[in-house]
N, C-alpha and C. Protein backbone atom coordinates (compact mmCIF):
# COMPACT_ATOMS: atom_id res chain seq x y z
N MET A 1 32.19 42.89 55.40
CA MET A 1 32.77 43.25 54.25
C MET A 1 32.15 43.55 53.02
N ASP A 2 32.39 44.68 52.48
CA ASP A 2 31.50 45.07 50.96
C ASP A 2 31.19 43.78 50.03
N ARG A 3 30.31 43.81 49.24
CA ARG A 3 30.23 43.05 48.47
C ARG A 3 30.62 43.06 47.21
N GLU A 4 31.36 42.34 46.35
CA GLU A 4 31.85 42.47 45.25
C GLU A 4 30.87 42.77 44.28
N PRO A 5 31.01 43.81 43.18
CA PRO A 5 30.14 44.13 42.29
C PRO A 5 29.81 42.91 41.42
N VAL A 6 28.46 42.82 41.10
CA VAL A 6 27.90 41.81 40.56
C VAL A 6 28.46 41.47 38.96
N SER A 7 29.05 42.48 38.71
CA SER A 7 29.54 41.95 37.17
C SER A 7 31.18 41.46 37.41
N SER A 8 31.47 41.15 38.75
CA SER A 8 32.91 40.72 38.83
C SER A 8 32.88 39.24 38.32
N ARG A 9 33.90 38.68 37.54
CA ARG A 9 33.77 37.37 37.11
C ARG A 9 35.17 36.59 37.50
N ARG A 10 35.16 35.52 38.01
CA ARG A 10 36.27 34.89 38.37
C ARG A 10 35.79 33.32 38.45
N SER A 11 37.17 32.87 38.05
CA SER A 11 36.98 31.22 37.85
C SER A 11 36.64 30.68 39.01
N LEU A 12 36.27 29.38 39.05
CA LEU A 12 36.03 28.35 39.88
C LEU A 12 36.85 28.21 40.93
N ALA A 13 38.40 28.14 40.15
CA ALA A 13 39.70 28.14 41.16
C ALA A 13 39.72 29.33 41.90
N GLU A 14 39.44 30.46 41.08
CA GLU A 14 39.74 31.61 41.86
C GLU A 14 38.60 31.89 42.99
N ARG A 15 37.21 31.48 42.74
CA ARG A 15 36.35 31.69 43.83
C ARG A 15 36.63 30.86 45.17
N ARG A 16 36.97 29.70 44.46
CA ARG A 16 37.49 28.35 45.71
C ARG A 16 38.46 29.07 46.37
N GLU A 17 39.61 29.53 45.89
CA GLU A 17 40.83 30.36 46.77
C GLU A 17 40.32 31.14 47.48
N GLN A 18 39.34 32.25 46.95
CA GLN A 18 38.86 33.57 47.74
C GLN A 18 38.24 32.80 49.05
N LEU A 19 37.19 31.91 49.01
CA LEU A 19 36.57 31.45 49.93
C LEU A 19 37.33 30.70 51.15
N LEU A 20 38.38 30.14 50.38
CA LEU A 20 39.59 29.25 51.60
C LEU A 20 40.41 30.59 52.32
N ASP A 21 40.64 31.69 51.62
CA ASP A 21 41.28 32.63 52.47
C ASP A 21 40.38 33.09 53.50
N ALA A 22 39.16 33.16 52.78
CA ALA A 22 37.96 34.02 53.90
C ALA A 22 38.07 32.90 55.09
N ALA A 23 38.32 31.58 54.83
CA ALA A 23 37.71 30.90 55.83
C ALA A 23 38.87 30.83 56.90
N ILE A 24 39.98 30.62 56.56
CA ILE A 24 41.09 31.01 57.24
C ILE A 24 40.94 32.31 58.40
N GLU A 25 40.70 33.31 57.72
CA GLU A 25 40.15 34.65 58.84
C GLU A 25 39.34 34.21 59.42
N VAL A 26 38.06 33.82 59.20
CA VAL A 26 36.94 33.57 60.03
C VAL A 26 37.41 32.46 61.00
N MET A 27 37.95 31.39 60.62
CA MET A 27 38.33 30.50 61.82
C MET A 27 39.72 31.06 62.64
N SER A 28 40.47 32.18 62.41
CA SER A 28 41.29 32.78 63.25
C SER A 28 40.55 33.63 64.32
N ASP A 29 39.29 34.05 63.86
CA ASP A 29 38.54 34.84 64.83
C ASP A 29 37.72 34.22 65.75
N ARG A 30 37.01 33.11 64.99
CA ARG A 30 36.03 32.58 65.68
C ARG A 30 36.29 30.77 66.04
N GLY A 31 37.42 30.39 65.52
CA GLY A 31 37.36 28.88 65.77
C GLY A 31 36.54 28.10 64.17
N ILE A 32 36.85 26.88 64.20
CA ILE A 32 36.36 26.20 63.12
C ILE A 32 34.71 26.09 63.67
N SER A 33 34.45 25.91 64.55
CA SER A 33 32.82 25.84 64.84
C SER A 33 31.92 27.05 64.45
N GLY A 34 32.83 28.54 64.75
CA GLY A 34 32.11 29.49 64.46
C GLY A 34 32.03 29.73 63.04
N ALA A 35 32.99 29.02 62.10
CA ALA A 35 33.13 29.45 60.70
C ALA A 35 31.87 29.02 59.67
N THR A 36 30.80 29.47 60.18
CA THR A 36 29.66 28.75 58.95
C THR A 36 29.85 29.32 57.64
N THR A 37 29.11 28.58 56.92
CA THR A 37 29.19 28.94 55.49
C THR A 37 28.93 30.45 55.29
N ARG A 38 28.01 30.85 55.98
CA ARG A 38 27.67 32.30 55.51
C ARG A 38 28.62 33.40 56.14
N ALA A 39 29.03 33.00 57.42
CA ALA A 39 30.23 33.79 57.87
C ALA A 39 31.36 33.72 56.96
N ILE A 40 31.69 32.89 56.16
CA ILE A 40 32.73 32.39 55.21
C ILE A 40 32.30 33.61 53.65
N THR A 41 31.21 33.32 53.37
CA THR A 41 30.78 34.10 52.40
C THR A 41 30.80 35.66 52.65
N GLU A 42 30.26 36.23 53.81
CA GLU A 42 30.44 37.48 54.05
C GLU A 42 31.54 37.95 54.24
N ARG A 43 32.65 37.27 54.62
CA ARG A 43 34.02 37.72 54.68
C ARG A 43 34.56 37.69 53.40
N ALA A 44 34.20 36.92 52.61
CA ALA A 44 34.69 36.91 51.43
C ALA A 44 33.97 38.16 50.17
N GLY A 45 32.92 38.40 51.04
CA GLY A 45 32.43 39.66 50.23
C GLY A 45 31.42 39.10 48.78
N VAL A 46 31.09 37.90 49.25
CA VAL A 46 30.26 37.39 48.05
C VAL A 46 28.73 36.73 48.34
N PRO A 47 27.95 36.55 47.56
CA PRO A 47 26.39 35.85 48.00
C PRO A 47 26.66 34.67 48.58
N HIS A 48 26.07 34.13 49.42
CA HIS A 48 25.98 32.96 49.98
C HIS A 48 26.02 31.85 49.31
N GLY A 49 25.13 31.91 48.11
CA GLY A 49 25.22 30.81 46.80
C GLY A 49 26.45 30.48 46.10
N VAL A 50 27.56 31.43 46.37
CA VAL A 50 28.82 31.23 45.81
C VAL A 50 29.27 29.96 46.54
N PHE A 51 28.95 29.81 47.80
CA PHE A 51 29.50 28.92 48.40
C PHE A 51 29.41 27.51 47.78
N HIS A 52 27.98 27.35 47.59
CA HIS A 52 27.45 25.80 47.19
C HIS A 52 28.20 25.96 45.52
N TYR A 53 28.38 26.79 45.10
CA TYR A 53 28.89 26.79 43.74
C TYR A 53 30.18 26.02 43.64
N CYS A 54 31.25 26.60 44.76
CA CYS A 54 32.35 26.29 45.00
C CYS A 54 32.65 24.85 45.66
N PHE A 55 31.82 24.56 46.67
CA PHE A 55 31.84 23.26 47.56
C PHE A 55 30.48 22.68 47.66
N ASP A 56 30.87 21.54 47.78
CA ASP A 56 29.55 20.82 48.12
C ASP A 56 28.91 20.73 49.58
N SER A 57 29.75 20.91 50.48
CA SER A 57 29.65 21.12 52.06
C SER A 57 30.50 21.86 52.48
N LYS A 58 30.37 22.08 54.08
CA LYS A 58 31.63 22.53 54.86
C LYS A 58 32.64 21.34 55.11
N ALA A 59 32.18 20.20 55.14
CA ALA A 59 33.24 19.23 54.86
C ALA A 59 34.34 19.50 53.78
N ALA A 60 33.56 19.49 52.63
CA ALA A 60 34.55 20.05 51.48
C ALA A 60 35.25 20.85 51.38
N LEU A 61 35.04 21.95 52.02
CA LEU A 61 35.83 22.82 52.50
C LEU A 61 37.00 23.00 53.12
N LEU A 62 36.65 22.35 54.05
CA LEU A 62 37.70 21.71 55.33
C LEU A 62 38.71 20.87 54.40
N ARG A 63 38.41 19.87 53.82
CA ARG A 63 39.09 19.14 53.21
C ARG A 63 40.03 19.96 52.14
N ALA A 64 39.87 20.73 51.41
CA ALA A 64 40.34 21.45 50.68
C ALA A 64 41.20 22.38 51.35
N LEU A 65 40.82 23.06 52.49
CA LEU A 65 41.58 23.91 53.56
C LEU A 65 42.68 23.14 53.88
N LEU A 66 42.81 21.82 54.70
CA LEU A 66 43.69 21.46 55.25
C LEU A 66 44.71 20.97 54.10
N THR A 67 44.13 20.32 52.99
CA THR A 67 45.26 19.86 51.80
C THR A 67 46.08 21.33 51.33
N ARG A 68 45.16 22.33 51.39
CA ARG A 68 46.12 23.58 50.70
C ARG A 68 47.18 24.11 51.94
N GLU A 69 46.48 24.08 53.11
CA GLU A 69 47.52 24.60 54.39
C GLU A 69 48.76 23.44 54.68
N SER A 70 48.28 22.36 54.71
CA SER A 70 49.45 21.30 54.76
C SER A 70 50.30 21.28 53.63
N GLU A 71 50.23 21.36 52.43
CA GLU A 71 50.91 21.45 51.60
C GLU A 71 51.83 22.81 51.49
N ARG A 72 51.04 24.06 51.98
CA ARG A 72 52.14 25.20 51.91
C ARG A 72 53.16 24.97 53.46
N ALA A 73 52.54 24.42 54.32
CA ALA A 73 53.69 24.02 55.47
C ALA A 73 54.64 23.23 54.91
N LEU A 74 54.78 22.22 54.44
CA LEU A 74 55.38 20.96 53.72
C LEU A 74 56.41 21.97 52.97
N SER A 75 55.82 22.64 51.95
CA SER A 75 56.87 23.63 51.22
C SER A 75 58.16 24.28 51.75
N THR A 76 57.65 24.61 53.22
CA THR A 76 58.67 25.69 53.83
C THR A 76 59.44 24.78 54.75
N ALA A 77 58.91 23.65 55.32
CA ALA A 77 59.34 22.73 56.05
C ALA A 77 60.71 22.12 56.21
N TRP A 78 61.47 21.93 56.94
CA TRP A 78 62.88 20.86 57.01
C TRP A 78 63.61 21.24 55.93
N GLN A 79 64.18 22.52 55.84
CA GLN A 79 65.01 22.37 54.65
C GLN A 79 66.39 22.31 55.37
N LEU A 80 66.76 21.04 55.01
CA LEU A 80 68.24 20.61 55.66
C LEU A 80 68.83 20.35 54.51
N ASP A 81 70.54 21.05 54.83
CA ASP A 81 71.37 20.98 53.88
C ASP A 81 72.80 19.97 54.34
N PRO A 82 72.76 18.78 53.83
CA PRO A 82 73.62 18.24 54.49
C PRO A 82 75.26 18.45 53.90
N GLY A 83 75.32 19.52 52.83
CA GLY A 83 76.56 20.01 52.69
C GLY A 83 77.27 21.09 53.43
N SER A 84 76.37 21.50 54.18
CA SER A 84 77.25 23.01 55.02
C SER A 84 77.16 22.50 56.36
N GLU A 85 76.23 21.58 57.24
CA GLU A 85 76.32 21.35 58.54
C GLU A 85 76.27 19.71 58.69
N GLY A 86 76.65 19.60 60.11
CA GLY A 86 76.40 18.35 60.75
C GLY A 86 74.95 18.00 60.99
N LEU A 87 74.60 16.97 60.92
CA LEU A 87 72.96 16.58 61.46
C LEU A 87 72.28 17.36 62.56
N THR A 88 73.23 17.44 63.72
CA THR A 88 72.57 18.24 65.14
C THR A 88 72.33 19.66 64.57
N GLU A 89 73.65 20.20 64.00
CA GLU A 89 73.26 21.69 63.43
C GLU A 89 72.24 21.60 62.45
N ALA A 90 71.79 21.05 61.56
CA ALA A 90 70.99 21.15 60.39
C ALA A 90 69.53 20.62 60.98
N LEU A 91 69.57 19.97 62.12
CA LEU A 91 68.19 19.60 62.68
C LEU A 91 67.60 20.91 63.87
N SER A 92 69.07 21.68 64.39
CA SER A 92 68.70 22.73 65.21
C SER A 92 68.18 24.15 64.25
N THR A 93 69.13 24.07 63.21
CA THR A 93 68.25 24.89 62.14
C THR A 93 67.16 24.81 61.45
N ALA A 94 66.76 23.85 61.41
CA ALA A 94 65.33 23.38 60.32
C ALA A 94 64.06 23.56 61.75
N ILE A 95 64.39 22.99 62.97
CA ILE A 95 63.58 23.08 64.01
C ILE A 95 63.24 24.73 64.21
N HIS A 96 64.32 25.63 64.53
CA HIS A 96 64.33 27.10 64.93
C HIS A 96 63.62 27.82 63.39
N GLY A 97 63.93 27.15 62.32
CA GLY A 97 63.27 27.86 61.11
C GLY A 97 61.59 27.70 61.33
N GLN A 98 61.46 26.49 61.60
CA GLN A 98 59.97 26.07 61.75
C GLN A 98 59.15 26.89 62.73
N LEU A 99 59.74 27.00 64.05
CA LEU A 99 59.37 27.80 65.10
C LEU A 99 59.36 29.17 64.80
N ALA A 100 60.00 29.74 64.12
CA ALA A 100 60.04 31.15 63.48
C ALA A 100 58.56 31.31 62.73
N ARG A 101 58.33 30.22 61.75
CA ARG A 101 57.57 30.67 60.90
C ARG A 101 55.97 30.44 61.67
N VAL A 102 56.22 29.54 63.01
CA VAL A 102 54.98 29.59 63.56
C VAL A 102 54.83 30.98 64.28
N ARG A 103 55.76 31.52 64.98
CA ARG A 103 55.94 32.75 65.56
C ARG A 103 55.19 33.61 64.68
N ALA A 104 55.69 33.84 63.52
CA ALA A 104 55.26 34.72 62.45
C ALA A 104 53.77 34.87 61.99
N GLU A 105 53.12 33.74 61.90
CA GLU A 105 51.94 33.55 61.81
C GLU A 105 50.98 32.68 62.67
N PRO A 106 51.03 33.10 63.99
CA PRO A 106 50.26 32.19 64.94
C PRO A 106 48.93 31.61 64.50
N LYS A 107 48.08 32.44 64.09
CA LYS A 107 46.82 32.35 63.97
C LYS A 107 46.57 31.28 63.26
N GLN A 108 47.59 31.33 61.90
CA GLN A 108 47.60 30.14 60.96
C GLN A 108 47.73 29.09 61.20
N PHE A 109 48.90 28.97 61.97
CA PHE A 109 49.30 27.33 62.71
C PHE A 109 47.90 27.43 63.67
N LEU A 110 47.18 27.74 64.25
CA LEU A 110 46.43 27.58 65.39
C LEU A 110 45.47 27.12 64.54
N VAL A 111 44.81 27.49 63.35
CA VAL A 111 43.73 27.13 62.64
C VAL A 111 44.25 25.80 62.16
N LEU A 112 45.67 25.64 61.45
CA LEU A 112 46.00 24.01 60.91
C LEU A 112 46.04 23.21 62.08
N ALA A 113 46.23 23.52 63.34
CA ALA A 113 46.04 22.46 64.31
C ALA A 113 45.06 21.78 64.64
N GLU A 114 43.83 22.91 64.58
CA GLU A 114 42.49 22.89 64.99
C GLU A 114 41.92 21.66 63.79
N LEU A 115 42.34 22.16 62.46
CA LEU A 115 41.64 21.32 61.31
C LEU A 115 42.06 20.09 61.52
N ILE A 116 43.43 19.80 61.98
CA ILE A 116 44.09 18.32 61.96
C ILE A 116 43.05 17.57 63.19
N VAL A 117 42.82 18.54 63.99
CA VAL A 117 42.22 18.01 65.34
C VAL A 117 40.47 17.34 64.55
N VAL A 118 40.16 18.33 64.12
CA VAL A 118 38.73 18.07 63.50
C VAL A 118 38.94 16.86 62.76
N ALA A 119 39.95 16.79 61.71
CA ALA A 119 40.31 15.65 60.84
C ALA A 119 40.26 14.13 61.59
N ARG A 120 41.03 14.41 62.63
CA ARG A 120 40.93 12.90 63.09
C ARG A 120 39.99 12.40 63.70
N THR A 121 38.74 13.30 64.09
CA THR A 121 37.45 12.82 64.43
C THR A 121 36.39 12.99 63.59
N ASP A 122 36.54 13.12 62.50
CA ASP A 122 35.57 13.25 61.66
C ASP A 122 35.66 11.95 60.33
N PRO A 123 34.75 11.41 60.37
CA PRO A 123 35.04 10.21 59.34
C PRO A 123 34.91 10.70 57.98
N ALA A 124 34.83 11.56 57.61
CA ALA A 124 34.98 12.08 56.37
C ALA A 124 36.17 12.83 55.94
N LEU A 125 36.90 12.66 56.92
CA LEU A 125 38.24 13.74 57.18
C LEU A 125 39.49 12.84 57.52
N THR A 126 39.14 11.80 58.20
CA THR A 126 40.23 10.98 58.56
C THR A 126 41.47 10.72 58.00
N ASP A 127 41.10 10.40 56.88
CA ASP A 127 42.20 9.91 55.81
C ASP A 127 43.27 11.03 55.73
N LEU A 128 42.57 12.22 55.50
CA LEU A 128 43.59 13.70 55.61
C LEU A 128 44.42 13.77 56.71
N ALA A 129 44.07 13.33 57.86
CA ALA A 129 44.99 13.38 58.97
C ALA A 129 46.07 12.67 58.79
N LEU A 130 45.80 11.54 58.12
CA LEU A 130 46.90 10.39 58.13
C LEU A 130 47.59 10.88 57.04
N TRP A 131 47.20 11.38 55.78
CA TRP A 131 47.94 11.76 54.78
C TRP A 131 49.10 12.81 55.67
N GLU A 132 48.57 14.02 56.24
CA GLU A 132 49.17 15.17 56.58
C GLU A 132 50.53 14.49 57.08
N ARG A 133 49.97 13.66 58.08
CA ARG A 133 51.33 12.75 59.27
C ARG A 133 52.27 12.24 58.44
N THR A 134 51.60 11.36 57.21
CA THR A 134 52.51 10.71 56.26
C THR A 134 53.52 11.55 55.39
N GLN A 135 52.87 12.41 54.95
CA GLN A 135 53.87 13.54 54.17
C GLN A 135 54.91 13.81 55.05
N TYR A 136 54.65 14.22 56.19
CA TYR A 136 55.63 15.04 57.27
C TYR A 136 56.93 13.78 57.10
N LEU A 137 56.34 12.75 57.42
CA LEU A 137 57.31 11.55 57.96
C LEU A 137 58.17 11.29 56.57
N ASP A 138 57.68 11.23 55.75
CA ASP A 138 58.33 11.03 54.25
C ASP A 138 59.09 11.68 54.39
N LEU A 139 59.11 12.96 54.33
CA LEU A 139 59.85 14.30 53.97
C LEU A 139 60.94 14.14 54.91
N ILE A 140 60.97 13.73 56.45
CA ILE A 140 61.91 13.94 57.27
C ILE A 140 62.78 12.76 57.06
N ALA A 141 62.38 11.61 56.77
CA ALA A 141 63.26 10.38 56.82
C ALA A 141 63.63 10.55 55.41
N GLU A 142 63.36 11.09 54.29
CA GLU A 142 64.23 11.51 53.33
C GLU A 142 65.29 12.46 53.36
N LEU A 143 64.87 13.34 54.12
CA LEU A 143 65.94 14.37 54.14
C LEU A 143 67.14 13.60 55.25
N LEU A 144 66.81 12.58 56.42
CA LEU A 144 67.55 12.10 57.26
C LEU A 144 68.63 11.37 56.14
N GLY A 145 67.93 10.44 55.29
CA GLY A 145 68.63 9.63 54.52
C GLY A 145 69.76 10.44 53.77
N LYS A 146 70.04 11.63 53.54
CA LYS A 146 71.17 12.50 53.01
C LYS A 146 72.29 12.49 53.93
N TRP A 147 72.14 12.23 55.22
CA TRP A 147 73.43 12.22 56.08
C TRP A 147 73.27 10.53 56.39
N GLN A 148 72.52 9.68 56.70
CA GLN A 148 72.53 8.50 56.95
C GLN A 148 72.22 7.41 55.99
N LYS A 149 73.14 7.93 54.99
CA LYS A 149 73.04 6.84 53.81
C LYS A 149 72.88 5.12 53.50
N ASP A 150 73.44 4.80 54.92
CA ASP A 150 73.53 3.29 54.95
C ASP A 150 72.40 2.71 56.01
N THR A 151 71.56 3.72 56.49
CA THR A 151 70.64 3.26 57.41
C THR A 151 69.40 2.67 56.61
N PRO A 152 68.97 1.48 57.13
CA PRO A 152 67.99 1.21 56.50
C PRO A 152 66.66 2.03 56.35
N PRO A 153 65.74 2.22 55.58
CA PRO A 153 64.41 3.06 55.50
C PRO A 153 63.48 2.96 56.79
N ALA A 154 63.46 1.85 57.34
CA ALA A 154 62.44 1.64 58.34
C ALA A 154 63.13 2.14 59.61
N VAL A 155 64.32 2.46 59.63
CA VAL A 155 65.16 2.96 60.98
C VAL A 155 64.85 4.34 60.64
N LEU A 156 65.18 4.79 59.63
CA LEU A 156 65.17 6.22 59.17
C LEU A 156 63.44 6.93 59.39
N ARG A 157 62.58 5.95 59.20
CA ARG A 157 61.10 6.15 59.59
C ARG A 157 60.91 6.49 60.98
N HIS A 158 61.44 5.42 61.87
CA HIS A 158 61.24 5.57 62.99
C HIS A 158 61.85 6.76 63.83
N TRP A 159 62.98 7.29 63.51
CA TRP A 159 63.79 8.54 63.54
C TRP A 159 62.93 9.81 63.57
N ALA A 160 62.47 9.82 61.92
CA ALA A 160 61.40 10.68 61.68
C ALA A 160 60.32 10.98 62.64
N ALA A 161 59.63 9.63 63.03
CA ALA A 161 58.34 9.87 63.90
C ALA A 161 58.97 10.49 65.17
N VAL A 162 60.11 10.27 65.64
CA VAL A 162 60.69 10.69 66.87
C VAL A 162 60.87 12.28 66.87
N ILE A 163 61.22 12.63 65.43
CA ILE A 163 61.73 14.18 65.49
C ILE A 163 60.29 14.87 65.02
N LEU A 164 59.35 14.20 64.47
CA LEU A 164 58.13 15.17 64.24
C LEU A 164 57.26 15.01 65.73
N ALA A 165 57.05 14.07 66.54
CA ALA A 165 56.46 14.33 67.70
C ALA A 165 57.33 15.35 68.60
N GLY A 166 58.55 15.39 68.32
CA GLY A 166 59.32 16.62 69.25
C GLY A 166 59.00 17.98 68.59
N ILE A 167 58.90 18.12 67.19
CA ILE A 167 58.59 19.31 66.68
C ILE A 167 57.14 19.80 66.97
N ASP A 168 56.03 18.70 66.87
CA ASP A 168 54.94 19.17 67.10
C ASP A 168 54.37 19.53 68.71
N GLY A 169 55.14 18.83 69.28
CA GLY A 169 55.52 19.39 71.03
C GLY A 169 55.89 20.58 70.94
N LEU A 170 56.89 21.00 70.57
CA LEU A 170 57.48 22.28 70.56
C LEU A 170 56.34 23.36 70.17
N ILE A 171 55.81 23.07 68.88
CA ILE A 171 54.86 24.13 68.35
C ILE A 171 53.97 24.08 69.33
N ASP A 172 53.14 23.16 69.51
CA ASP A 172 52.07 23.02 70.61
C ASP A 172 52.63 24.10 71.95
N GLY A 173 53.47 23.61 72.74
CA GLY A 173 54.18 24.50 73.46
C GLY A 173 54.33 25.78 73.35
N TRP A 174 54.74 26.20 72.24
CA TRP A 174 54.80 27.82 71.96
C TRP A 174 53.23 28.33 71.93
N LEU A 175 52.51 27.89 71.08
CA LEU A 175 51.12 28.55 70.99
C LEU A 175 50.62 28.36 71.84
N THR A 176 50.89 27.72 73.07
CA THR A 176 50.23 27.81 74.17
C THR A 176 50.77 28.73 75.11
N ALA A 177 52.20 28.75 75.48
CA ALA A 177 52.70 29.59 76.40
C ALA A 177 53.04 30.88 75.96
N ARG A 178 53.68 30.79 74.45
CA ARG A 178 54.14 31.94 73.58
C ARG A 178 55.44 32.48 74.43
N ASP A 179 56.22 31.36 75.19
CA ASP A 179 57.46 31.50 75.73
C ASP A 179 58.72 31.37 74.88
N ASP A 180 59.20 32.35 74.31
CA ASP A 180 60.22 32.27 73.14
C ASP A 180 61.60 31.44 73.82
N ASP A 181 61.91 32.00 74.82
CA ASP A 181 63.31 31.55 75.44
C ASP A 181 63.22 29.81 75.89
N THR A 182 62.16 29.49 76.77
CA THR A 182 61.85 28.21 76.84
C THR A 182 61.82 27.28 75.66
N THR A 183 61.11 27.89 74.72
CA THR A 183 60.86 26.63 73.54
C THR A 183 62.13 26.73 72.57
N GLY A 184 62.75 27.94 72.60
CA GLY A 184 64.30 28.04 72.10
C GLY A 184 65.20 27.09 72.47
N ALA A 185 65.13 27.15 73.81
CA ALA A 185 66.12 26.46 74.57
C ALA A 185 65.82 25.00 74.39
N ALA A 186 64.80 24.34 74.34
CA ALA A 186 64.11 23.15 74.23
C ALA A 186 64.35 22.75 72.99
N ALA A 187 64.25 23.42 71.89
CA ALA A 187 64.52 23.20 70.61
C ALA A 187 65.84 22.70 70.45
N THR A 188 66.89 23.74 71.05
CA THR A 188 68.14 22.99 70.80
C THR A 188 68.42 21.84 71.15
N LEU A 189 68.01 21.93 72.57
CA LEU A 189 68.45 20.55 73.40
C LEU A 189 67.61 19.23 72.52
N PHE A 190 66.60 19.37 72.28
CA PHE A 190 66.02 18.58 71.32
C PHE A 190 67.11 17.87 70.16
N ALA A 191 67.27 18.94 69.38
CA ALA A 191 68.28 18.76 68.19
C ALA A 191 69.48 17.94 68.63
N SER A 192 69.99 18.49 70.25
CA SER A 192 71.33 18.09 70.13
C SER A 192 71.11 16.45 70.61
N SER A 193 70.18 16.29 71.33
CA SER A 193 69.84 14.85 71.98
C SER A 193 69.60 13.91 71.03
N VAL A 194 68.72 14.54 69.65
CA VAL A 194 68.67 13.55 68.59
C VAL A 194 69.85 13.24 67.84
N GLY A 195 70.77 14.42 67.47
CA GLY A 195 72.09 14.05 67.15
C GLY A 195 72.78 13.15 67.78
N ALA A 196 72.81 13.35 68.80
CA ALA A 196 73.74 12.28 69.51
C ALA A 196 73.40 10.93 69.59
N ALA A 197 71.90 10.71 69.73
CA ALA A 197 71.46 9.32 69.62
C ALA A 197 71.81 8.81 68.41
N VAL A 198 71.71 9.91 67.17
CA VAL A 198 71.92 8.80 66.08
C VAL A 198 73.27 8.62 65.71
N GLN A 199 74.05 9.55 66.38
CA GLN A 199 75.78 9.19 66.22
C GLN A 199 76.05 8.05 66.86
N SER A 200 75.21 7.76 68.10
CA SER A 200 75.39 6.50 69.12
C SER A 200 75.03 5.43 68.14
N MET A 201 73.75 5.46 67.21
CA MET A 201 73.51 4.05 66.68
C MET A 201 74.60 4.06 65.78
N ASN A 202 75.03 5.14 64.95
CA ASN A 202 76.04 4.75 63.95
C ASN A 202 77.14 4.30 64.09
N THR A 203 77.63 4.55 65.62
CA THR A 203 78.64 3.88 66.17
C THR A 203 78.71 2.50 66.25
N GLU A 204 77.31 2.07 67.10
CA GLU A 204 77.12 0.68 67.46
C GLU A 204 76.91 -0.09 66.26
N ARG A 205 76.34 0.39 64.88
CA ARG A 205 76.21 -0.19 63.82
C ARG A 205 77.61 -0.58 63.12
N ALA A 206 78.58 0.44 63.43
CA ALA A 206 79.82 0.27 62.49
C ALA A 206 80.65 -0.63 63.44
N GLU A 207 80.68 -0.72 64.65
CA GLU A 207 81.26 -1.63 65.64
C GLU A 207 80.56 -3.02 65.32
N THR A 208 79.48 -3.17 65.10
CA THR A 208 78.72 -4.52 64.56
C THR A 208 79.42 -5.09 63.55
N ARG A 209 79.26 -4.04 62.66
CA ARG A 209 79.92 -4.66 61.53
C ARG A 209 81.21 -5.14 61.35
N HIS A 210 82.00 -4.40 61.94
CA HIS A 210 83.65 -4.72 62.24
C HIS A 210 83.69 -6.01 62.95
N GLU A 211 82.91 -6.32 64.31
CA GLU A 211 82.97 -7.42 64.62
C GLU A 211 82.37 -8.70 63.68
N ASP A 212 81.57 -8.37 62.93
CA ASP A 212 81.11 -9.52 61.93
C ASP A 212 82.00 -9.96 60.85
N ARG A 213 82.79 -8.83 60.57
CA ARG A 213 83.93 -8.88 59.40
C ARG A 213 85.01 -9.79 60.10
N ALA A 214 85.40 -9.74 61.55
CA ALA A 214 86.25 -10.09 62.24
C ALA A 214 85.84 -11.50 62.61
N SER A 215 84.67 -11.88 62.61
CA SER A 215 84.21 -13.33 63.04
C SER A 215 84.09 -14.01 61.76
N ASN A 216 83.67 -13.09 60.71
CA ASN A 216 83.71 -14.08 59.33
C ASN A 216 85.38 -14.35 58.81
N ALA A 217 86.43 -13.29 59.25
CA ALA A 217 88.00 -13.60 58.92
C ALA A 217 88.16 -14.64 59.43
N GLY A 218 87.87 -14.97 60.87
CA GLY A 218 88.39 -15.91 61.62
C GLY A 218 87.73 -17.17 61.37
N LYS A 219 86.47 -17.40 60.69
CA LYS A 219 85.99 -18.67 60.41
C LYS A 219 86.85 -18.79 58.93
N ALA A 220 87.00 -18.19 58.32
CA ALA A 220 87.69 -18.41 56.97
C ALA A 220 89.04 -19.07 57.02
N VAL A 221 90.05 -18.56 58.30
CA VAL A 221 91.12 -18.84 58.75
C VAL A 221 91.12 -20.66 58.97
N LEU A 222 89.96 -20.53 59.83
CA LEU A 222 89.91 -22.27 60.69
C LEU A 222 89.41 -23.17 59.31
N THR A 223 88.85 -22.48 58.20
CA THR A 223 88.55 -23.50 57.17
C THR A 223 89.47 -23.63 56.45
């Protein structure tokens, strides 16, 4: 890539974004191991010294990149509307929507997946892997709470973990096989299964509450 004119002046924040964008491109082509600091600055069209002006190390860039890409993914994920659909339909819509975003930008999601794997094994980044997962769990649990208003938060979080594991598996499967039909059918089946299981749980909890009320009423009569 051609170098920027020496007279070009950008703020530190703009330079950092420029390098992060270049890093995504290089990682899409070569993987994270092939994304050297020199390769990144060359793709950005800036002198190599600019990298060290913006980041202390490659690990610092990876931290900034994983944070940015995770926040972008979170901003568009799991747009559930409790006013227009039932839980099963809303889950299906959200999961298929997420898969559509992956299909539209597979290279970007492959980079994000690789970044998360690296973060899990790099002591300097492990907190980011946990942060990314926690953000998704919190978001899904919060959205589920709009349908399940009487469900304890701990139970909502358990269901959020199930759903997150499912969507992660569906995304991983599609990125590996690129099989739209199989992944789409699996997504619909998964949403239907989760919706049915949640409904069954609600029914059981309602029956338990009814039995408890009947038992308490009986005790009151006896006393």
